C-alpha cells in the first residue's frame, strides 16, 4: 500500500491559506459596507491659524487679503560680498625634486596643495607667500604663488 502524498504539514499549510482567504474576504465585505456611509465631507480636513488640523472649516471673518505681488516664490538673492582672492600663508612643506608642496593659510590654518607650475617664483619651506586658490582634480590648489 502506498503512503499518502499529503503530509500533516501540507494539510496544516492548506488550512492556514484557506483561513487567510476567508479573513481577507470578510475584511473586503466590511469595507464595502462602510464605504456607503463615508462622504467627501467626512474626508476633508482643515488647517487652523496655528497650523493644527481640524474638521471644522475656518471662519471667513478671520480671512486676511494678501496681494500676489507681496508673495516671494524664490529665494532672495544674497548680496555679493567682495572677498579678496589673494590669501596669505606660509610654506609648510616643499619638495623641490618632486615639484610640489603645501601652504598653510594664516587666517584659517588650512593646508593647500601647491605644484611647481603654480609658482611665479621659487619658494622654500617657512617662506611667507601670497597665493590664490583654484579647483583642481582632488580639491583646492594654490596658484600664482609669490613670496611676500
Protein backbone atom coordinates (compact mmCIF):
# COMPACT_ATOMS: atom_id res chain seq x y z
CA UNK A 1 0.00 0.00 0.00
CA UNK A 2 1.34 3.44 -0.97
CA UNK A 3 1.63 6.29 1.51
CA UNK A 4 -0.49 9.37 1.13
CA UNK A 5 1.29 12.18 -0.73
CA UNK A 6 -0.23 14.77 1.60
CA UNK A 7 1.65 15.07 4.91
CA UNK A 8 0.40 16.70 8.12
CA UNK A 9 2.38 19.92 7.47
CA UNK A 10 0.91 20.21 3.97
CA UNK A 11 -2.62 19.86 5.36
CA UNK A 12 -1.83 22.46 8.04
CA UNK A 13 -0.46 24.97 5.48
CA UNK A 14 -3.52 24.47 3.26
CA UNK A 15 -5.82 25.12 6.22
CA UNK A 16 -3.93 28.36 7.05
CA UNK A 17 -4.21 29.56 3.45
CA UNK A 18 -7.93 28.88 3.42
CA UNK A 19 -8.38 30.73 6.73
CA UNK A 20 -6.42 33.76 5.42
CA UNK A 21 -8.56 33.84 2.26
CA UNK A 22 -11.75 33.83 4.31
CA UNK A 23 -10.47 36.63 6.62
CA UNK A 24 -9.48 38.72 3.62
CA UNK A 25 -12.91 38.25 2.07
CA UNK A 26 -14.62 39.29 5.36
CA UNK A 27 -12.49 42.48 5.56
CA UNK A 28 -13.33 43.32 1.95
CA UNK A 29 -17.05 42.92 2.61
CA UNK A 30 -16.79 45.15 5.71
CA UNK A 31 -15.04 47.89 3.71
CA UNK A 32 -17.75 47.77 1.06
CA UNK A 33 -20.46 48.04 3.72
CA UNK A 34 -18.73 51.03 5.40
CA UNK A 35 -17.91 52.81 2.13
CA UNK A 36 -21.53 53.81 1.63
CA UNK A 37 -21.58 55.87 4.84
CA UNK A 38 -18.38 57.88 4.16
CA UNK A 39 -18.66 61.01 2.06
CA UNK A 40 -16.36 63.74 0.81
CA UNK A 41 -17.26 65.98 3.75
CA UNK A 42 -16.08 63.29 6.18
CA UNK A 43 -12.72 63.11 4.42
CA UNK A 44 -11.92 66.85 4.25
CA UNK A 45 -9.55 68.29 6.85
CA UNK A 46 -8.80 71.96 7.50
CA UNK A 47 -5.76 73.71 8.95
CA UNK A 48 -6.40 76.47 11.51
CA UNK A 49 -4.34 79.64 12.02
CA UNK A 50 -1.99 77.80 14.41
CA UNK A 51 -1.22 75.01 11.92
CA UNK A 52 -3.38 72.36 13.65
CA UNK A 53 -5.57 70.01 11.60
CA UNK A 54 -9.30 70.28 12.37
CA UNK A 55 -12.56 69.07 10.88
CA UNK A 56 -14.31 72.46 11.12
CA UNK A 57 -13.94 74.95 8.27
CA UNK A 58 -12.22 78.28 9.02
CA UNK A 59 -14.24 81.40 9.87
CA UNK A 60 -14.44 83.66 6.78
CA UNK A 61 -14.40 86.76 9.03
CA UNK A 62 -10.77 86.00 10.05
CA UNK A 63 -9.56 85.94 6.43
CA UNK A 64 -6.61 88.17 5.51
CA UNK A 65 -6.17 89.56 2.00
CA UNK A 66 -2.69 89.16 0.52
CA UNK A 67 -1.57 90.78 -2.70
CA UNK A 68 0.06 88.47 -5.21
CA UNK A 69 2.97 90.92 -5.66
CA UNK A 70 3.92 90.51 -1.97
CA UNK A 71 4.46 86.75 -2.26
CA UNK A 72 8.10 85.75 -2.83
CA UNK A 73 8.32 82.48 -4.69
CA UNK A 74 12.09 82.26 -4.97
CA UNK A 75 14.94 82.66 -2.53
CA UNK A 76 16.09 86.27 -2.29
CA UNK A 77 19.49 86.91 -3.83
CA UNK A 78 22.40 87.21 -1.47
CA UNK A 79 24.35 90.41 -1.53
CA UNK A 80 27.68 89.96 -3.21
CA UNK A 81 30.37 90.33 -0.59
CA UNK A 82 33.68 91.05 -2.18
CA UNK A 83 36.28 88.64 -0.90
CA UNK A 84 39.91 89.32 -1.55
CA UNK A 85 41.04 86.40 -3.74
CA UNK A 86 44.65 86.85 -2.68
CA UNK A 87 45.42 84.94 0.51
CA UNK A 88 48.49 84.89 2.68
CA UNK A 89 50.22 81.86 4.07
CA UNK A 90 53.39 80.05 4.99
CA UNK A 91 55.04 77.24 3.04
CA UNK A 92 54.71 74.25 5.38
CA UNK A 93 56.48 71.78 3.10
CA UNK A 94 58.02 71.92 -0.35
CA UNK A 95 59.93 69.20 -2.20
CA UNK A 96 61.97 70.83 -4.98
CA UNK A 97 62.99 67.50 -6.56
CA UNK A 98 59.35 66.38 -6.98
CA UNK A 99 57.95 69.88 -7.55
CA UNK A 100 55.12 70.04 -5.05
CA UNK A 101 54.34 71.12 -1.51
CA UNK A 102 51.77 72.54 0.89
CA UNK A 103 50.94 76.05 2.03
CA UNK A 104 49.22 76.75 5.37
CA UNK A 105 46.89 79.76 5.24
CA UNK A 106 47.49 82.21 8.09
CA UNK A 107 43.83 83.03 8.86
CA UNK A 108 42.20 79.58 8.79
CA UNK A 109 45.25 77.32 9.23
CA UNK A 110 44.03 75.25 6.25
CA UNK A 111 46.62 73.48 4.11
CA UNK A 112 46.51 73.76 0.34
CA UNK A 113 48.43 71.79 -2.27
CA UNK A 114 50.84 73.72 -4.47
CA UNK A 115 52.59 72.48 -7.62
CA UNK A 116 55.70 73.96 -9.19
CA UNK A 117 53.54 75.04 -12.18
CA UNK A 118 51.53 77.28 -9.83
CA UNK A 119 54.63 79.22 -8.66
CA UNK A 120 55.63 82.57 -10.08
CA UNK A 121 58.98 82.48 -8.24
CA UNK A 122 60.96 79.85 -6.34
CA UNK A 123 59.90 79.13 -2.76
CA UNK A 124 61.23 77.03 0.10
CA UNK A 125 59.90 75.90 3.48
CA UNK A 126 58.89 78.61 6.02
CA UNK A 127 58.64 81.32 3.30
CA UNK A 128 55.73 83.76 3.69
CA UNK A 129 53.74 83.79 0.44
CA UNK A 130 50.63 85.23 -1.16
CA UNK A 131 48.51 82.95 -3.34
CA UNK A 132 45.13 82.38 -4.97
CA UNK A 133 43.03 79.22 -4.96
CA UNK A 134 41.72 77.22 -7.91
CA UNK A 135 39.78 73.99 -8.03
CA UNK A 136 42.00 71.08 -9.01
CA UNK A 137 41.31 67.39 -9.63
CA UNK A 138 41.41 66.49 -5.93
CA UNK A 139 40.47 69.79 -4.27
CA UNK A 140 41.65 73.38 -3.98
CA UNK A 141 45.18 74.14 -5.23
CA UNK A 142 47.30 77.20 -4.55
CA UNK A 143 48.22 79.04 -7.75
CA UNK A 144 50.05 82.30 -8.61
CA UNK A 145 52.22 81.87 -5.52
CA UNK A 146 54.62 84.78 -4.77
CA UNK A 147 56.97 85.50 -1.87
CA UNK A 148 55.99 88.39 0.37
